[in-house]
Amino acid sequence: MSITQTTQLLQLVLNSAIMMTIALAWWGIVMIRLEAISAQLQRLHQAASKTGGRVSPYRHGIRVRYRLTRHSALIMHYVLLAMIASLVCLTLRALINTNLLITVAVFLVVLGSAGILVSVTLALLEFYHLNALEVTPADRLPRPGRPPAAIAVAPPPGHSPARQPSRNPIAS
């Protein structure tokens, strides 16, 4: 191998190792998130069994979040396998003089990068569902005799907001 080819091979190995480190870190984050959602789903299941089978209205949303995170974790398992295979191909290229191994290694890195993007997209969808759970339909609808929260109503002249009695949102 020439010096240029050796330099390029070392750069490919370094890029593959960096991508594998990034994939490993993201895999750890996804697995921690999956464990937390799984524990939350188990607590809801135990609470439902204690209350006579009454299911929480949040259970469906948590199941959706669990499925998204589980798919994200599964994709990350495949990404890690692709990154390891890429490093193996590049290592074999140092021993065997064939350019096909470099092509396969680059393809695996690109495939792994696309997998990371899909996994991040699934995680963002999971966060979207998390925010959708925090804003319930009851919070979106205005109460009778009360303006919606999105419309700001100015107090009548001469009345400051500090003088108005505060309402307890739990009691109303």
Protein backbone atom coordinates (compact mmCIF):
# COMPACT_ATOMS: atom_id res chain seq x y z
CA MET A 1 0.00 0.00 0.00
CA SER A 2 1.15 3.50 -0.70
CA ILE A 3 1.38 6.21 1.92
CA THR A 4 -1.79 7.86 0.60
CA GLN A 5 -3.76 4.63 0.81
CA THR A 6 -2.47 3.97 4.32
CA THR A 7 -3.45 7.47 5.41
CA GLN A 8 -6.92 7.06 3.95
CA LEU A 9 -7.32 3.67 5.61
CA LEU A 10 -6.34 5.14 8.98
CA GLN A 11 -8.84 7.98 8.49
CA LEU A 12 -11.58 5.46 7.70
CA VAL A 13 -10.71 3.44 10.81
CA LEU A 14 -10.77 6.61 12.92
CA ASN A 15 -14.12 7.70 11.45
CA SER A 16 -15.59 4.25 12.06
CA ALA A 17 -14.33 4.25 15.64
CA ILE A 18 -15.80 7.72 16.28
CA MET A 19 -19.15 6.72 14.78
CA MET A 20 -19.15 3.56 16.88
CA THR A 21 -18.50 5.63 20.01
CA ILE A 22 -21.37 7.97 19.13
CA ALA A 23 -23.64 4.99 18.42
CA LEU A 24 -22.66 3.36 21.71
CA ALA A 25 -23.41 6.55 23.66
CA TRP A 26 -26.80 6.97 21.96
CA TRP A 27 -27.58 3.29 22.52
CA GLY A 28 -26.93 3.80 26.25
CA ILE A 29 -29.26 6.80 26.36
CA VAL A 30 -32.01 4.91 24.53
CA MET A 31 -31.66 1.88 26.80
CA ILE A 32 -31.91 4.05 29.94
CA ARG A 33 -35.00 5.71 28.50
CA LEU A 34 -36.51 2.32 27.61
CA GLU A 35 -35.95 1.07 31.16
CA ALA A 36 -37.63 4.17 32.62
CA ILE A 37 -40.69 3.87 30.36
CA SER A 38 -40.88 0.14 31.05
CA ALA A 39 -40.88 0.78 34.81
CA GLN A 40 -43.59 3.43 34.38
CA LEU A 41 -45.72 1.03 32.36
CA GLN A 42 -45.28 -1.69 35.00
CA ARG A 43 -46.35 0.73 37.75
CA LEU A 44 -49.48 1.60 35.78
CA HIS A 45 -50.21 -2.11 35.31
CA GLN A 46 -49.80 -2.78 39.03
CA ALA A 47 -52.00 0.21 39.90
CA ALA A 48 -54.67 -1.05 37.49
CA SER A 49 -54.64 -4.48 39.11
CA LYS A 50 -55.01 -2.91 42.57
CA THR A 51 -57.95 -0.71 41.53
CA GLY A 52 -59.95 -3.57 40.10
CA GLY A 53 -58.83 -3.33 36.49
CA ARG A 54 -59.49 0.37 35.99
CA VAL A 55 -57.01 1.50 33.34
CA SER A 56 -55.30 4.87 33.46
CA PRO A 57 -56.11 7.21 30.55
CA TYR A 58 -52.35 7.66 30.06
CA ARG A 59 -51.68 3.96 29.52
CA HIS A 60 -52.18 4.06 25.75
CA GLY A 61 -49.81 6.99 25.37
CA ILE A 62 -47.18 5.30 27.51
CA ARG A 63 -47.51 2.14 25.42
CA VAL A 64 -46.94 4.17 22.26
CA ARG A 65 -43.87 5.76 23.84
CA TYR A 66 -42.63 2.32 24.90
CA ARG A 67 -43.00 0.93 21.37
CA LEU A 68 -41.19 3.91 19.83
CA THR A 69 -38.33 3.63 22.30
CA ARG A 70 -38.13 -0.15 21.89
CA HIS A 71 -37.88 0.25 18.10
CA SER A 72 -35.23 2.91 18.57
CA ALA A 73 -33.22 0.54 20.80
CA LEU A 74 -33.59 -2.30 18.28
CA ILE A 75 -32.32 -0.08 15.48
CA MET A 76 -29.37 0.93 17.64
CA HIS A 77 -28.48 -2.74 18.17
CA TYR A 78 -28.25 -3.14 14.39
CA VAL A 79 -26.30 0.11 14.08
CA LEU A 80 -23.73 -1.13 16.59
CA LEU A 81 -23.42 -4.40 14.66
CA ALA A 82 -22.91 -2.46 11.41
CA MET A 83 -20.23 -0.27 13.01
CA ILE A 84 -18.39 -3.28 14.44
CA ALA A 85 -18.57 -5.01 11.05
CA SER A 86 -17.19 -1.87 9.43
CA LEU A 87 -14.22 -1.85 11.79
CA VAL A 88 -13.65 -5.55 11.11
CA CYS A 89 -13.70 -4.92 7.35
CA LEU A 90 -11.18 -2.11 7.68
CA THR A 91 -8.96 -4.26 9.88
CA LEU A 92 -9.12 -7.08 7.33
CA ARG A 93 -8.24 -4.56 4.62
CA ALA A 94 -4.95 -3.92 6.39
CA LEU A 95 -4.22 -7.65 6.12
CA ILE A 96 -5.81 -8.50 2.74
CA ASN A 97 -5.12 -6.34 -0.28
CA THR A 98 -8.61 -5.94 -1.76
CA ASN A 99 -10.55 -2.73 -2.27
CA LEU A 100 -13.92 -4.46 -1.90
CA LEU A 101 -13.47 -4.44 1.87
CA ILE A 102 -13.19 -0.64 1.87
CA THR A 103 -16.38 -0.34 -0.17
CA VAL A 104 -18.21 -2.66 2.21
CA ALA A 105 -16.88 -0.76 5.25
CA VAL A 106 -17.97 2.61 3.87
CA PHE A 107 -21.40 1.18 3.02
CA LEU A 108 -21.76 -0.14 6.58
CA VAL A 109 -20.78 3.24 8.05
CA VAL A 110 -23.35 5.01 5.86
CA LEU A 111 -25.97 2.40 6.80
CA GLY A 112 -25.11 2.87 10.48
CA SER A 113 -25.33 6.65 10.19
CA ALA A 114 -28.76 6.36 8.60
CA GLY A 115 -29.78 4.03 11.42
CA ILE A 116 -28.67 6.56 14.01
CA LEU A 117 -30.78 9.22 12.28
CA VAL A 118 -33.83 6.91 12.29
CA SER A 119 -33.26 6.14 15.97
CA VAL A 120 -33.01 9.84 16.84
CA THR A 121 -36.19 10.50 14.84
CA LEU A 122 -38.03 7.81 16.82
CA ALA A 123 -36.75 9.34 20.06
CA LEU A 124 -38.04 12.76 18.99
CA LEU A 125 -41.43 11.20 18.22
CA GLU A 126 -41.38 9.66 21.70
CA PHE A 127 -40.67 13.07 23.23
CA TYR A 128 -43.56 14.49 21.17
CA HIS A 129 -45.86 11.85 22.68
CA LEU A 130 -44.50 12.69 26.13
CA ASN A 131 -45.53 16.32 25.64
CA ALA A 132 -48.89 15.23 24.26
CA LEU A 133 -49.49 13.31 27.49
CA GLU A 134 -48.71 16.36 29.61
CA VAL A 135 -51.35 18.46 27.84
CA THR A 136 -54.58 16.58 28.35
CA PRO A 137 -57.76 17.31 26.38
CA ALA A 138 -59.32 18.77 29.55
CA ASP A 139 -56.55 21.38 29.64
CA ARG A 140 -57.23 22.39 26.04
CA LEU A 141 -60.97 23.04 26.45
CA PRO A 142 -62.11 26.25 28.15
CA ARG A 143 -64.40 25.94 31.14
CA PRO A 144 -67.88 27.48 30.95
CA GLY A 145 -67.81 31.16 31.84
CA ARG A 146 -64.05 31.28 31.53
CA PRO A 147 -62.05 32.38 28.45
CA PRO A 148 -59.60 29.92 26.89
CA ALA A 149 -56.06 30.09 28.24
CA ALA A 150 -54.69 31.08 24.83
CA ILE A 151 -56.71 34.31 24.76
CA ALA A 152 -55.40 36.97 27.06
CA VAL A 153 -58.15 39.06 28.62
CA ALA A 154 -57.17 42.43 30.03
CA PRO A 155 -58.58 43.32 33.46
CA PRO A 156 -61.20 46.08 33.60
CA PRO A 157 -59.83 49.61 34.01
CA GLY A 158 -58.94 50.37 37.61
CA HIS A 159 -58.42 46.73 38.60
CA SER A 160 -54.92 45.38 38.77
CA PRO A 161 -54.21 41.68 38.55
CA ALA A 162 -52.61 41.81 42.00
CA ARG A 163 -55.94 42.72 43.67
CA GLN A 164 -57.90 39.84 42.14
CA PRO A 165 -58.25 36.75 44.33
CA SER A 166 -56.22 33.88 42.99
CA ARG A 167 -58.01 30.72 41.98
CA ASN A 168 -56.82 27.35 43.04
CA PRO A 169 -56.56 25.30 39.80
CA ILE A 170 -57.00 22.07 41.72
CA ALA A 171 -60.21 23.15 43.45
CA SER A 172 -61.90 24.51 40.32
